[in-house]
PDB file of all heavy atoms in Angstrom:
ATOM      1  N   LEU A   1      -0.877 -16.215   4.923  1.00  0.00           N
ATOM      2  CA  LEU A   1       0.419 -15.976   5.671  1.00  0.00           C
ATOM      3  C   LEU A   1       0.769 -17.218   6.548  1.00  0.00           C
ATOM      4  O   LEU A   1       1.929 -17.623   6.702  1.00  0.00           O
ATOM      5  CB  LEU A   1       0.264 -14.786   6.469  1.00  0.00           C
ATOM      6  CG  LEU A   1       0.125 -13.420   5.744  1.00  0.00           C
ATOM      7  CD1 LEU A   1      -0.030 -12.320   6.719  1.00  0.00           C
ATOM      8  CD2 LEU A   1       1.352 -13.156   4.802  1.00  0.00           C
ATOM      9  N   ARG A   2      -0.297 -17.773   7.174  1.00  0.00           N
ATOM     10  CA  ARG A   2      -0.024 -18.846   8.140  1.00  0.00           C
ATOM     11  C   ARG A   2       0.308 -20.195   7.446  1.00  0.00           C
ATOM     12  O   ARG A   2       1.122 -20.917   8.005  1.00  0.00           O
ATOM     13  CB  ARG A   2      -1.328 -19.053   8.881  1.00  0.00           C
ATOM     14  CG  ARG A   2      -1.126 -19.992  10.192  1.00  0.00           C
ATOM     15  CD  ARG A   2      -0.250 -19.433  11.082  1.00  0.00           C
ATOM     16  NE  ARG A   2      -0.037 -20.238  12.187  1.00  0.00           N
ATOM     17  CZ  ARG A   2       0.866 -21.262  12.306  1.00  0.00           C
ATOM     18  NH1 ARG A   2       1.590 -21.479  11.414  1.00  0.00           N
ATOM     19  NH2 ARG A   2       0.865 -22.017  13.381  1.00  0.00           N
ATOM     20  N   ILE A   3      -0.222 -20.416   6.183  1.00  0.00           N
ATOM     21  CA  ILE A   3       0.197 -21.633   5.621  1.00  0.00           C
ATOM     22  C   ILE A   3       1.557 -21.479   4.716  1.00  0.00           C
ATOM     23  O   ILE A   3       2.115 -22.569   4.361  1.00  0.00           O
ATOM     24  CB  ILE A   3      -0.845 -22.225   4.607  1.00  0.00           C
ATOM     25  CG1 ILE A   3      -0.996 -21.193   3.413  1.00  0.00           C
ATOM     26  CG2 ILE A   3      -2.175 -22.338   5.288  1.00  0.00           C
ATOM     27  CD1 ILE A   3      -1.986 -21.706   2.381  1.00  0.00           C
ATOM     28  N   LEU A   4       2.048 -20.335   4.678  1.00  0.00           N
ATOM     29  CA  LEU A   4       3.389 -20.099   4.001  1.00  0.00           C
ATOM     30  C   LEU A   4       4.566 -20.284   4.888  1.00  0.00           C
ATOM     31  O   LEU A   4       5.667 -20.495   4.503  1.00  0.00           O
ATOM     32  CB  LEU A   4       3.397 -18.615   3.365  1.00  0.00           C
ATOM     33  CG  LEU A   4       2.566 -18.472   2.093  1.00  0.00           C
ATOM     34  CD1 LEU A   4       2.517 -17.031   1.772  1.00  0.00           C
ATOM     35  CD2 LEU A   4       3.034 -19.290   0.972  1.00  0.00           C
ATOM     36  N   ALA A   5       4.301 -20.312   6.259  1.00  0.00           N
ATOM     37  CA  ALA A   5       5.386 -20.376   7.190  1.00  0.00           C
ATOM     38  C   ALA A   5       4.888 -20.883   8.606  1.00  0.00           C
ATOM     39  O   ALA A   5       3.715 -20.571   8.868  1.00  0.00           O
ATOM     40  CB  ALA A   5       6.174 -18.978   7.391  1.00  0.00           C
ATOM     41  N   PRO A   6       5.702 -21.587   9.323  1.00  0.00           N
ATOM     42  CA  PRO A   6       5.276 -22.093  10.638  1.00  0.00           C
ATOM     43  C   PRO A   6       5.090 -20.954  11.761  1.00  0.00           C
ATOM     44  O   PRO A   6       5.436 -19.842  11.335  1.00  0.00           O
ATOM     45  CB  PRO A   6       6.432 -23.040  11.037  1.00  0.00           C
ATOM     46  CG  PRO A   6       7.624 -22.516  10.327  1.00  0.00           C
ATOM     47  CD  PRO A   6       7.042 -22.038   9.005  1.00  0.00           C
ATOM     48  N   ALA A   7       4.652 -21.317  12.855  1.00  0.00           N
ATOM     49  CA  ALA A   7       4.299 -20.308  13.887  1.00  0.00           C
ATOM     50  C   ALA A   7       5.448 -19.405  14.313  1.00  0.00           C
ATOM     51  O   ALA A   7       5.230 -18.174  14.510  1.00  0.00           O
ATOM     52  CB  ALA A   7       3.678 -21.017  15.089  1.00  0.00           C
ATOM     53  N   GLU A   8       6.629 -19.929  14.492  1.00  0.00           N
ATOM     54  CA  GLU A   8       7.737 -19.167  15.006  1.00  0.00           C
ATOM     55  C   GLU A   8       8.249 -18.106  13.914  1.00  0.00           C
ATOM     56  O   GLU A   8       9.015 -17.299  14.284  1.00  0.00           O
ATOM     57  CB  GLU A   8       8.958 -20.071  15.320  1.00  0.00           C
ATOM     58  CG  GLU A   8       9.531 -20.930  14.110  1.00  0.00           C
ATOM     59  CD  GLU A   8       8.823 -22.337  14.090  1.00  0.00           C
ATOM     60  OE1 GLU A   8       7.643 -22.457  14.612  1.00  0.00           O
ATOM     61  OE2 GLU A   8       9.506 -23.226  13.624  1.00  0.00           O
ATOM     62  N   TYR A   9       7.689 -18.136  12.774  1.00  0.00           N
ATOM     63  CA  TYR A   9       7.977 -17.134  11.718  1.00  0.00           C
ATOM     64  C   TYR A   9       6.938 -16.129  11.520  1.00  0.00           C
ATOM     65  O   TYR A   9       6.971 -15.177  10.724  1.00  0.00           O
ATOM     66  CB  TYR A   9       8.288 -17.853  10.361  1.00  0.00           C
ATOM     67  CG  TYR A   9       9.580 -18.340  10.174  1.00  0.00           C
ATOM     68  CD1 TYR A   9       9.904 -19.694  10.817  1.00  0.00           C
ATOM     69  CD2 TYR A   9      10.631 -17.795   9.474  1.00  0.00           C
ATOM     70  CE1 TYR A   9      11.036 -20.281  10.620  1.00  0.00           C
ATOM     71  CE2 TYR A   9      11.850 -18.367   9.290  1.00  0.00           C
ATOM     72  CZ  TYR A   9      12.133 -19.636   9.967  1.00  0.00           C
ATOM     73  OH  TYR A   9      13.369 -20.202   9.727  1.00  0.00           O
ATOM     74  N   GLN A  10       5.813 -16.143  12.272  1.00  0.00           N
ATOM     75  CA  GLN A  10       4.679 -15.428  12.032  1.00  0.00           C
ATOM     76  C   GLN A  10       4.858 -13.803  12.374  1.00  0.00           C
ATOM     77  O   GLN A  10       4.210 -13.055  11.798  1.00  0.00           O
ATOM     78  CB  GLN A  10       3.376 -15.908  12.801  1.00  0.00           C
ATOM     79  CG  GLN A  10       2.828 -17.131  12.219  1.00  0.00           C
ATOM     80  CD  GLN A  10       2.531 -17.005  10.692  1.00  0.00           C
ATOM     81  OE1 GLN A  10       1.744 -16.161  10.345  1.00  0.00           O
ATOM     82  NE2 GLN A  10       3.124 -17.777   9.879  1.00  0.00           N
ATOM     83  N   GLY A  11       5.771 -13.557  13.277  1.00  0.00           N
ATOM     84  CA  GLY A  11       6.076 -12.169  13.530  1.00  0.00           C
ATOM     85  C   GLY A  11       6.676 -11.516  12.332  1.00  0.00           C
ATOM     86  O   GLY A  11       6.265 -10.499  11.841  1.00  0.00           O
ATOM     87  N   ARG A  12       7.693 -12.252  11.643  1.00  0.00           N
ATOM     88  CA  ARG A  12       8.276 -11.798  10.455  1.00  0.00           C
ATOM     89  C   ARG A  12       7.316 -11.748   9.324  1.00  0.00           C
ATOM     90  O   ARG A  12       7.266 -10.823   8.460  1.00  0.00           O
ATOM     91  CB  ARG A  12       9.440 -12.606  10.130  1.00  0.00           C
ATOM     92  CG  ARG A  12      10.792 -12.170  10.707  1.00  0.00           C
ATOM     93  CD  ARG A  12      11.891 -13.264  10.588  1.00  0.00           C
ATOM     94  NE  ARG A  12      11.604 -14.307  11.551  1.00  0.00           N
ATOM     95  CZ  ARG A  12      12.480 -15.264  11.822  1.00  0.00           C
ATOM     96  NH1 ARG A  12      13.607 -15.406  10.994  1.00  0.00           N
ATOM     97  NH2 ARG A  12      12.240 -16.254  12.702  1.00  0.00           N
ATOM     98  N   MET A  13       6.429 -12.803   9.183  1.00  0.00           N
ATOM     99  CA  MET A  13       5.562 -12.942   8.104  1.00  0.00           C
ATOM    100  C   MET A  13       4.493 -11.760   8.214  1.00  0.00           C
ATOM    101  O   MET A  13       4.227 -11.065   7.156  1.00  0.00           O
ATOM    102  CB  MET A  13       4.772 -14.231   8.047  1.00  0.00           C
ATOM    103  CG  MET A  13       5.696 -15.440   7.825  1.00  0.00           C
ATOM    104  SD  MET A  13       6.258 -15.497   6.228  1.00  0.00           S
ATOM    105  CE  MET A  13       4.916 -16.092   5.313  1.00  0.00           C
ATOM    106  N   ASN A  14       4.012 -11.487   9.268  1.00  0.00           N
ATOM    107  CA  ASN A  14       3.010 -10.410   9.449  1.00  0.00           C
ATOM    108  C   ASN A  14       3.641  -9.101   9.266  1.00  0.00           C
ATOM    109  O   ASN A  14       3.124  -8.054   8.728  1.00  0.00           O
ATOM    110  CB  ASN A  14       2.298 -10.516  10.748  1.00  0.00           C
ATOM    111  CG  ASN A  14       1.191 -11.517  10.727  1.00  0.00           C
ATOM    112  OD1 ASN A  14       0.090 -11.264  10.293  1.00  0.00           O
ATOM    113  ND2 ASN A  14       1.540 -12.784  11.206  1.00  0.00           N
ATOM    114  N   GLY A  15       4.918  -8.911   9.879  1.00  0.00           N
ATOM    115  CA  GLY A  15       5.713  -7.722   9.671  1.00  0.00           C
ATOM    116  C   GLY A  15       6.008  -7.366   8.149  1.00  0.00           C
ATOM    117  O   GLY A  15       5.858  -6.258   7.749  1.00  0.00           O
ATOM    118  N   LEU A  16       6.492  -8.374   7.498  1.00  0.00           N
ATOM    119  CA  LEU A  16       6.871  -8.212   6.045  1.00  0.00           C
ATOM    120  C   LEU A  16       5.574  -7.925   5.200  1.00  0.00           C
ATOM    121  O   LEU A  16       5.626  -7.118   4.365  1.00  0.00           O
ATOM    122  CB  LEU A  16       7.536  -9.520   5.474  1.00  0.00           C
ATOM    123  CG  LEU A  16       8.934  -9.704   6.058  1.00  0.00           C
ATOM    124  CD1 LEU A  16       9.363 -11.159   5.638  1.00  0.00           C
ATOM    125  CD2 LEU A  16       9.933  -8.690   5.453  1.00  0.00           C
ATOM    126  N   TYR A  17       4.546  -8.747   5.562  1.00  0.00           N
ATOM    127  CA  TYR A  17       3.269  -8.381   4.849  1.00  0.00           C
ATOM    128  C   TYR A  17       2.739  -6.995   5.086  1.00  0.00           C
ATOM    129  O   TYR A  17       2.387  -6.283   4.123  1.00  0.00           O
ATOM    130  CB  TYR A  17       2.170  -9.413   5.372  1.00  0.00           C
ATOM    131  CG  TYR A  17       0.692  -8.886   5.370  1.00  0.00           C
ATOM    132  CD1 TYR A  17      -0.064  -8.865   4.212  1.00  0.00           C
ATOM    133  CD2 TYR A  17       0.134  -8.500   6.548  1.00  0.00           C
ATOM    134  CE1 TYR A  17      -1.261  -8.347   4.183  1.00  0.00           C
ATOM    135  CE2 TYR A  17      -1.062  -8.111   6.574  1.00  0.00           C
ATOM    136  CZ  TYR A  17      -1.869  -7.915   5.463  1.00  0.00           C
ATOM    137  OH  TYR A  17      -3.095  -7.520   5.341  1.00  0.00           O
ATOM    138  N   SER A  18       2.814  -6.581   6.338  1.00  0.00           N
ATOM    139  CA  SER A  18       2.268  -5.153   6.633  1.00  0.00           C
ATOM    140  C   SER A  18       3.218  -4.186   5.992  1.00  0.00           C
ATOM    141  O   SER A  18       2.785  -3.097   5.552  1.00  0.00           O
ATOM    142  CB  SER A  18       2.177  -5.072   8.174  1.00  0.00           C
ATOM    143  OG  SER A  18       1.584  -3.845   8.480  1.00  0.00           O
ATOM    144  N   GLY A  19       4.585  -4.423   6.044  1.00  0.00           N
ATOM    145  CA  GLY A  19       5.485  -3.500   5.380  1.00  0.00           C
ATOM    146  C   GLY A  19       5.319  -3.378   3.907  1.00  0.00           C
ATOM    147  O   GLY A  19       5.303  -2.302   3.351  1.00  0.00           O
ATOM    148  N   ALA A  20       5.061  -4.614   3.327  1.00  0.00           N
ATOM    149  CA  ALA A  20       4.723  -4.593   1.850  1.00  0.00           C
ATOM    150  C   ALA A  20       3.495  -3.737   1.562  1.00  0.00           C
ATOM    151  O   ALA A  20       3.331  -3.060   0.555  1.00  0.00           O
ATOM    152  CB  ALA A  20       4.677  -6.023   1.352  1.00  0.00           C
ATOM    153  N   SER A  21       2.566  -3.941   2.516  1.00  0.00           N
ATOM    154  CA  SER A  21       1.248  -3.174   2.366  1.00  0.00           C
ATOM    155  C   SER A  21       1.567  -1.686   2.374  1.00  0.00           C
ATOM    156  O   SER A  21       1.034  -0.884   1.554  1.00  0.00           O
ATOM    157  CB  SER A  21       0.236  -3.620   3.382  1.00  0.00           C
ATOM    158  OG  SER A  21      -0.179  -4.920   3.276  1.00  0.00           O
ATOM    159  N   GLY A  22       2.373  -1.324   3.339  1.00  0.00           N
ATOM    160  CA  GLY A  22       2.715   0.052   3.532  1.00  0.00           C
ATOM    161  C   GLY A  22       3.488   0.663   2.324  1.00  0.00           C
ATOM    162  O   GLY A  22       3.142   1.766   1.912  1.00  0.00           O
ATOM    163  N   ILE A  23       4.338  -0.145   1.769  1.00  0.00           N
ATOM    164  CA  ILE A  23       5.068   0.317   0.649  1.00  0.00           C
ATOM    165  C   ILE A  23       4.051   0.419  -0.570  1.00  0.00           C
ATOM    166  O   ILE A  23       4.148   1.421  -1.318  1.00  0.00           O
ATOM    167  CB  ILE A  23       6.179  -0.717   0.245  1.00  0.00           C
ATOM    168  CG1 ILE A  23       7.337  -0.665   1.344  1.00  0.00           C
ATOM    169  CG2 ILE A  23       6.861  -0.331  -1.159  1.00  0.00           C
ATOM    170  CD1 ILE A  23       8.340  -1.698   1.175  1.00  0.00           C
ATOM    171  N   GLY A  24       3.187  -0.509  -0.701  1.00  0.00           N
ATOM    172  CA  GLY A  24       2.192  -0.482  -1.808  1.00  0.00           C
ATOM    173  C   GLY A  24       1.393   0.711  -1.585  1.00  0.00           C
ATOM    174  O   GLY A  24       1.095   1.550  -2.564  1.00  0.00           O
ATOM    175  N   TYR A  25       0.784   0.942  -0.380  1.00  0.00           N
ATOM    176  CA  TYR A  25       0.038   2.152  -0.086  1.00  0.00           C
ATOM    177  C   TYR A  25       0.691   3.448  -0.458  1.00  0.00           C
ATOM    178  O   TYR A  25       0.170   4.338  -1.124  1.00  0.00           O
ATOM    179  CB  TYR A  25      -0.306   2.174   1.410  1.00  0.00           C
ATOM    180  CG  TYR A  25      -1.439   1.355   1.784  1.00  0.00           C
ATOM    181  CD1 TYR A  25      -1.244   0.434   2.888  1.00  0.00           C
ATOM    182  CD2 TYR A  25      -2.756   1.267   1.285  1.00  0.00           C
ATOM    183  CE1 TYR A  25      -2.187  -0.418   3.381  1.00  0.00           C
ATOM    184  CE2 TYR A  25      -3.708   0.470   1.680  1.00  0.00           C
ATOM    185  CZ  TYR A  25      -3.475  -0.363   2.754  1.00  0.00           C
ATOM    186  OH  TYR A  25      -4.533  -1.148   3.228  1.00  0.00           O
ATOM    187  N   PHE A  26       2.001   3.457  -0.073  1.00  0.00           N
ATOM    188  CA  PHE A  26       2.784   4.686  -0.297  1.00  0.00           C
ATOM    189  C   PHE A  26       2.964   4.974  -1.773  1.00  0.00           C
ATOM    190  O   PHE A  26       2.676   6.063  -2.273  1.00  0.00           O
ATOM    191  CB  PHE A  26       4.151   4.578   0.395  1.00  0.00           C
ATOM    192  CG  PHE A  26       5.045   5.742   0.249  1.00  0.00           C
ATOM    193  CD1 PHE A  26       4.921   6.816   0.965  1.00  0.00           C
ATOM    194  CD2 PHE A  26       6.036   5.714  -0.676  1.00  0.00           C
ATOM    195  CE1 PHE A  26       5.617   7.952   0.879  1.00  0.00           C
ATOM    196  CE2 PHE A  26       6.905   6.766  -0.855  1.00  0.00           C
ATOM    197  CZ  PHE A  26       6.697   7.989  -0.057  1.00  0.00           C
ATOM    198  N   ILE A  27       3.437   4.002  -2.507  1.00  0.00           N
ATOM    199  CA  ILE A  27       3.757   4.176  -3.953  1.00  0.00           C
ATOM    200  C   ILE A  27       2.447   4.420  -4.691  1.00  0.00           C
ATOM    201  O   ILE A  27       2.400   5.484  -5.508  1.00  0.00           O
ATOM    202  CB  ILE A  27       4.404   2.942  -4.521  1.00  0.00           C
ATOM    203  CG1 ILE A  27       5.739   2.738  -3.944  1.00  0.00           C
ATOM    204  CG2 ILE A  27       4.514   2.988  -6.064  1.00  0.00           C
ATOM    205  CD1 ILE A  27       6.498   1.425  -4.273  1.00  0.00           C
ATOM    206  N   ILE A  28       1.388   3.739  -4.418  1.00  0.00           N
ATOM    207  CA  ILE A  28       0.088   3.890  -5.169  1.00  0.00           C
ATOM    208  C   ILE A  28      -0.475   5.230  -4.892  1.00  0.00           C
ATOM    209  O   ILE A  28      -0.875   5.982  -5.781  1.00  0.00           O
ATOM    210  CB  ILE A  28      -0.879   2.768  -4.735  1.00  0.00           C
ATOM    211  CG1 ILE A  28      -0.406   1.496  -5.366  1.00  0.00           C
ATOM    212  CG2 ILE A  28      -2.261   3.119  -5.289  1.00  0.00           C
ATOM    213  CD1 ILE A  28      -1.117   0.238  -4.755  1.00  0.00           C
ATOM    214  N   ASN A  29      -0.529   5.638  -3.643  1.00  0.00           N
ATOM    215  CA  ASN A  29      -1.171   6.848  -3.263  1.00  0.00           C
ATOM    216  C   ASN A  29      -0.299   8.070  -3.689  1.00  0.00           C
ATOM    217  O   ASN A  29      -0.851   9.099  -4.127  1.00  0.00           O
ATOM    218  CB  ASN A  29      -1.433   6.965  -1.737  1.00  0.00           C
ATOM    219  CG  ASN A  29      -2.577   6.211  -1.343  1.00  0.00           C
ATOM    220  OD1 ASN A  29      -3.851   6.674  -1.347  1.00  0.00           O
ATOM    221  ND2 ASN A  29      -2.443   4.972  -1.005  1.00  0.00           N
ATOM    222  N   MET A  30       1.031   8.000  -3.628  1.00  0.00           N
ATOM    223  CA  MET A  30       1.940   9.025  -4.145  1.00  0.00           C
ATOM    224  C   MET A  30       1.788   9.229  -5.638  1.00  0.00           C
ATOM    225  O   MET A  30       1.804  10.339  -6.137  1.00  0.00           O
ATOM    226  CB  MET A  30       3.323   8.740  -3.780  1.00  0.00           C
ATOM    227  CG  MET A  30       3.652   8.964  -2.386  1.00  0.00           C
ATOM    228  SD  MET A  30       3.390  10.640  -1.735  1.00  0.00           S
ATOM    229  CE  MET A  30       4.729  11.558  -2.534  1.00  0.00           C
ATOM    230  N   ALA A  31       1.502   8.052  -6.352  1.00  0.00           N
ATOM    231  CA  ALA A  31       1.336   8.152  -7.746  1.00  0.00           C
ATOM    232  C   ALA A  31       0.018   8.782  -8.107  1.00  0.00           C
ATOM    233  O   ALA A  31      -0.177   9.405  -9.145  1.00  0.00           O
ATOM    234  CB  ALA A  31       1.355   6.705  -8.404  1.00  0.00           C
ATOM    235  N   MET A  32      -0.976   8.705  -7.142  1.00  0.00           N
ATOM    236  CA  MET A  32      -2.275   9.263  -7.287  1.00  0.00           C
ATOM    237  C   MET A  32      -2.330  10.693  -7.123  1.00  0.00           C
ATOM    238  O   MET A  32      -3.283  11.390  -7.638  1.00  0.00           O
ATOM    239  CB  MET A  32      -3.302   8.559  -6.422  1.00  0.00           C
ATOM    240  CG  MET A  32      -3.810   7.194  -6.882  1.00  0.00           C
ATOM    241  SD  MET A  32      -4.647   7.275  -8.476  1.00  0.00           S
ATOM    242  CE  MET A  32      -3.255   7.082  -9.686  1.00  0.00           C
ATOM    243  N   VAL A  33      -1.404  11.290  -6.474  1.00  0.00           N
ATOM    244  CA  VAL A  33      -1.356  12.668  -6.127  1.00  0.00           C
ATOM    245  C   VAL A  33      -1.329  13.516  -7.394  1.00  0.00           C
ATOM    246  O   VAL A  33      -2.140  14.406  -7.606  1.00  0.00           O
ATOM    247  CB  VAL A  33      -0.198  13.072  -5.184  1.00  0.00           C
ATOM    248  CG1 VAL A  33      -0.071  14.664  -5.026  1.00  0.00           C
ATOM    249  CG2 VAL A  33      -0.432  12.363  -3.781  1.00  0.00           C
ATOM    250  N   PRO A  34      -0.275  13.306  -8.334  1.00  0.00           N
ATOM    251  CA  PRO A  34      -0.357  13.987  -9.576  1.00  0.00           C
ATOM    252  C   PRO A  34      -1.569  13.758 -10.495  1.00  0.00           C
ATOM    253  O   PRO A  34      -2.016  14.678 -11.142  1.00  0.00           O
ATOM    254  CB  PRO A  34       1.028  13.677 -10.225  1.00  0.00           C
ATOM    255  CG  PRO A  34       1.339  12.368  -9.699  1.00  0.00           C
ATOM    256  CD  PRO A  34       0.868  12.412  -8.264  1.00  0.00           C
ATOM    257  N   VAL A  35      -2.044  12.564 -10.445  1.00  0.00           N
ATOM    258  CA  VAL A  35      -3.211  12.222 -11.209  1.00  0.00           C
ATOM    259  C   VAL A  35      -4.420  13.002 -10.607  1.00  0.00           C
ATOM    260  O   VAL A  35      -5.151  13.732 -11.527  1.00  0.00           O
ATOM    261  CB  VAL A  35      -3.534  10.654 -11.115  1.00  0.00           C
ATOM    262  CG1 VAL A  35      -4.878  10.384 -11.795  1.00  0.00           C
ATOM    263  CG2 VAL A  35      -2.437   9.957 -11.832  1.00  0.00           C
ATOM    264  N   TYR A  36      -4.543  12.958  -9.385  1.00  0.00           N
ATOM    265  CA  TYR A  36      -5.738  13.714  -8.763  1.00  0.00           C
ATOM    266  C   TYR A  36      -5.520  15.304  -9.000  1.00  0.00           C
ATOM    267  O   TYR A  36      -6.483  15.856  -9.346  1.00  0.00           O
ATOM    268  CB  TYR A  36      -5.717  13.441  -7.195  1.00  0.00           C
ATOM    269  CG  TYR A  36      -6.677  14.215  -6.473  1.00  0.00           C
ATOM    270  CD1 TYR A  36      -8.050  13.819  -6.428  1.00  0.00           C
ATOM    271  CD2 TYR A  36      -6.373  15.320  -5.743  1.00  0.00           C
ATOM    272  CE1 TYR A  36      -8.976  14.616  -5.667  1.00  0.00           C
ATOM    273  CE2 TYR A  36      -7.239  16.101  -5.021  1.00  0.00           C
ATOM    274  CZ  TYR A  36      -8.579  15.748  -5.110  1.00  0.00           C
ATOM    275  OH  TYR A  36      -9.444  16.458  -4.285  1.00  0.00           O
ATOM    276  N   ASP A  37      -4.227  15.700  -8.794  1.00  0.00           N
ATOM    277  CA  ASP A  37      -3.983  17.158  -8.869  1.00  0.00           C
ATOM    278  C   ASP A  37      -4.260  17.676 -10.385  1.00  0.00           C
ATOM    279  O   ASP A  37      -4.881  18.655 -10.561  1.00  0.00           O
ATOM    280  CB  ASP A  37      -2.574  17.348  -8.536  1.00  0.00           C
ATOM    281  CG  ASP A  37      -2.242  18.895  -8.313  1.00  0.00           C
ATOM    282  OD1 ASP A  37      -3.122  19.474  -7.562  1.00  0.00           O
ATOM    283  OD2 ASP A  37      -1.242  19.387  -8.690  1.00  0.00           O
ATOM    284  N   TYR A  38      -3.959  16.790 -11.333  1.00  0.00           N
ATOM    285  CA  TYR A  38      -4.197  17.184 -12.718  1.00  0.00           C
ATOM    286  C   TYR A  38      -5.701  17.258 -13.086  1.00  0.00           C
ATOM    287  O   TYR A  38      -6.153  18.283 -13.636  1.00  0.00           O
ATOM    288  CB  TYR A  38      -3.469  16.128 -13.622  1.00  0.00           C
ATOM    289  CG  TYR A  38      -3.747  16.421 -15.200  1.00  0.00           C
ATOM    290  CD1 TYR A  38      -2.951  17.362 -15.863  1.00  0.00           C
ATOM    291  CD2 TYR A  38      -4.707  15.720 -15.859  1.00  0.00           C
ATOM    292  CE1 TYR A  38      -3.175  17.605 -17.146  1.00  0.00           C
ATOM    293  CE2 TYR A  38      -4.961  15.988 -17.201  1.00  0.00           C
ATOM    294  CZ  TYR A  38      -4.159  16.823 -17.865  1.00  0.00           C
ATOM    295  OH  TYR A  38      -4.392  17.149 -19.230  1.00  0.00           O
ATOM    296  N   PHE A  39      -6.495  16.252 -12.743  1.00  0.00           N
ATOM    297  CA  PHE A  39      -7.815  16.239 -13.081  1.00  0.00           C
ATOM    298  C   PHE A  39      -8.714  17.183 -12.117  1.00  0.00           C
ATOM    299  O   PHE A  39      -9.815  17.580 -12.480  1.00  0.00           O
ATOM    300  CB  PHE A  39      -8.481  14.830 -13.005  1.00  0.00           C
ATOM    301  CG  PHE A  39      -8.000  13.916 -14.265  1.00  0.00           C
ATOM    302  CD1 PHE A  39      -6.817  13.159 -14.163  1.00  0.00           C
ATOM    303  CD2 PHE A  39      -8.672  14.112 -15.380  1.00  0.00           C
ATOM    304  CE1 PHE A  39      -6.461  12.410 -15.252  1.00  0.00           C
ATOM    305  CE2 PHE A  39      -8.291  13.365 -16.485  1.00  0.00           C
ATOM    306  CZ  PHE A  39      -7.182  12.539 -16.459  1.00  0.00           C
ATOM    307  N   SER A  40      -8.177  17.378 -10.877  1.00  0.00           N
ATOM    308  CA  SER A  40      -8.863  18.250  -9.916  1.00  0.00           C
ATOM    309  C   SER A  40      -8.808  19.673 -10.482  1.00  0.00           C
ATOM    310  O   SER A  40      -9.501  20.605  -9.828  1.00  0.00           O
ATOM    311  CB  SER A  40      -8.405  18.144  -8.560  1.00  0.00           C
ATOM    312  OG  SER A  40      -6.990  18.599  -8.511  1.00  0.00           O
ATOM    313  N   ALA A  41      -8.104  19.995 -11.483  1.00  0.00           N
ATOM    314  CA  ALA A  41      -8.086  21.357 -12.065  1.00  0.00           C
ATOM    315  C   ALA A  41      -9.478  21.594 -12.625  1.00  0.00           C
ATOM    316  O   ALA A  41      -9.906  22.828 -12.725  1.00  0.00           O
ATOM    317  CB  ALA A  41      -7.057  21.515 -13.182  1.00  0.00           C
ATOM    318  N   LEU A  42     -10.171  20.584 -13.007  1.00  0.00           N
ATOM    319  CA  LEU A  42     -11.583  20.659 -13.562  1.00  0.00           C
ATOM    320  C   LEU A  42     -12.458  20.715 -12.279  1.00  0.00           C
ATOM    321  O   LEU A  42     -13.288  21.674 -12.228  1.00  0.00           O
ATOM    322  CB  LEU A  42     -11.951  19.550 -14.384  1.00  0.00           C
ATOM    323  CG  LEU A  42     -11.119  19.286 -15.617  1.00  0.00           C
ATOM    324  CD1 LEU A  42     -11.492  17.989 -16.358  1.00  0.00           C
ATOM    325  CD2 LEU A  42     -11.341  20.509 -16.611  1.00  0.00           C
ATOM    326  N   SER A  43     -12.267  19.807 -11.313  1.00  0.00           N
ATOM    327  CA  SER A  43     -13.005  19.820 -10.078  1.00  0.00           C
ATOM    328  C   SER A  43     -12.395  18.701  -9.249  1.00  0.00           C
ATOM    329  O   SER A  43     -11.878  17.774  -9.769  1.00  0.00           O
ATOM    330  CB  SER A  43     -14.409  19.523 -10.209  1.00  0.00           C
ATOM    331  OG  SER A  43     -14.768  18.201 -10.630  1.00  0.00           O
ATOM    332  N   ASP A  44     -12.598  18.800  -7.945  1.00  0.00           N
ATOM    333  CA  ASP A  44     -12.069  17.735  -7.066  1.00  0.00           C
ATOM    334  C   ASP A  44     -12.845  16.380  -7.373  1.00  0.00           C
ATOM    335  O   ASP A  44     -12.186  15.293  -7.249  1.00  0.00           O
ATOM    336  CB  ASP A  44     -12.332  18.132  -5.564  1.00  0.00           C
ATOM    337  CG  ASP A  44     -11.337  19.219  -5.079  1.00  0.00           C
ATOM    338  OD1 ASP A  44     -10.145  19.008  -5.533  1.00  0.00           O
ATOM    339  OD2 ASP A  44     -11.691  20.055  -4.347  1.00  0.00           O
ATOM    340  N   GLY A  45     -14.133  16.466  -7.739  1.00  0.00           N
ATOM    341  CA  GLY A  45     -14.848  15.319  -8.113  1.00  0.00           C
ATOM    342  C   GLY A  45     -14.265  14.565  -9.319  1.00  0.00           C
ATOM    343  O   GLY A  45     -14.197  13.304  -9.291  1.00  0.00           O
ATOM    344  N   GLN A  46     -13.839  15.327 -10.306  1.00  0.00           N
ATOM    345  CA  GLN A  46     -13.194  14.723 -11.518  1.00  0.00           C
ATOM    346  C   GLN A  46     -11.840  14.088 -11.147  1.00  0.00           C
ATOM    347  O   GLN A  46     -11.411  13.053 -11.688  1.00  0.00           O
ATOM    348  CB  GLN A  46     -12.990  15.793 -12.630  1.00  0.00           C
ATOM    349  CG  GLN A  46     -14.232  16.262 -13.246  1.00  0.00           C
ATOM    350  CD  GLN A  46     -14.965  15.104 -13.957  1.00  0.00           C
ATOM    351  OE1 GLN A  46     -14.351  14.291 -14.638  1.00  0.00           O
ATOM    352  NE2 GLN A  46     -16.331  15.079 -13.826  1.00  0.00           N
TER     353      GLN A  46
END
């Protein structure tokens, strides 16, 4: 993040990075809910 932009852009860089992380977390984990729900019919471990 630091080598991609100078110091005065680091608020935005870290905010965008963290926002992208949040979106990634959200999409991935939401996608996992039906997967987990389907296989947890056998057991939560599965």
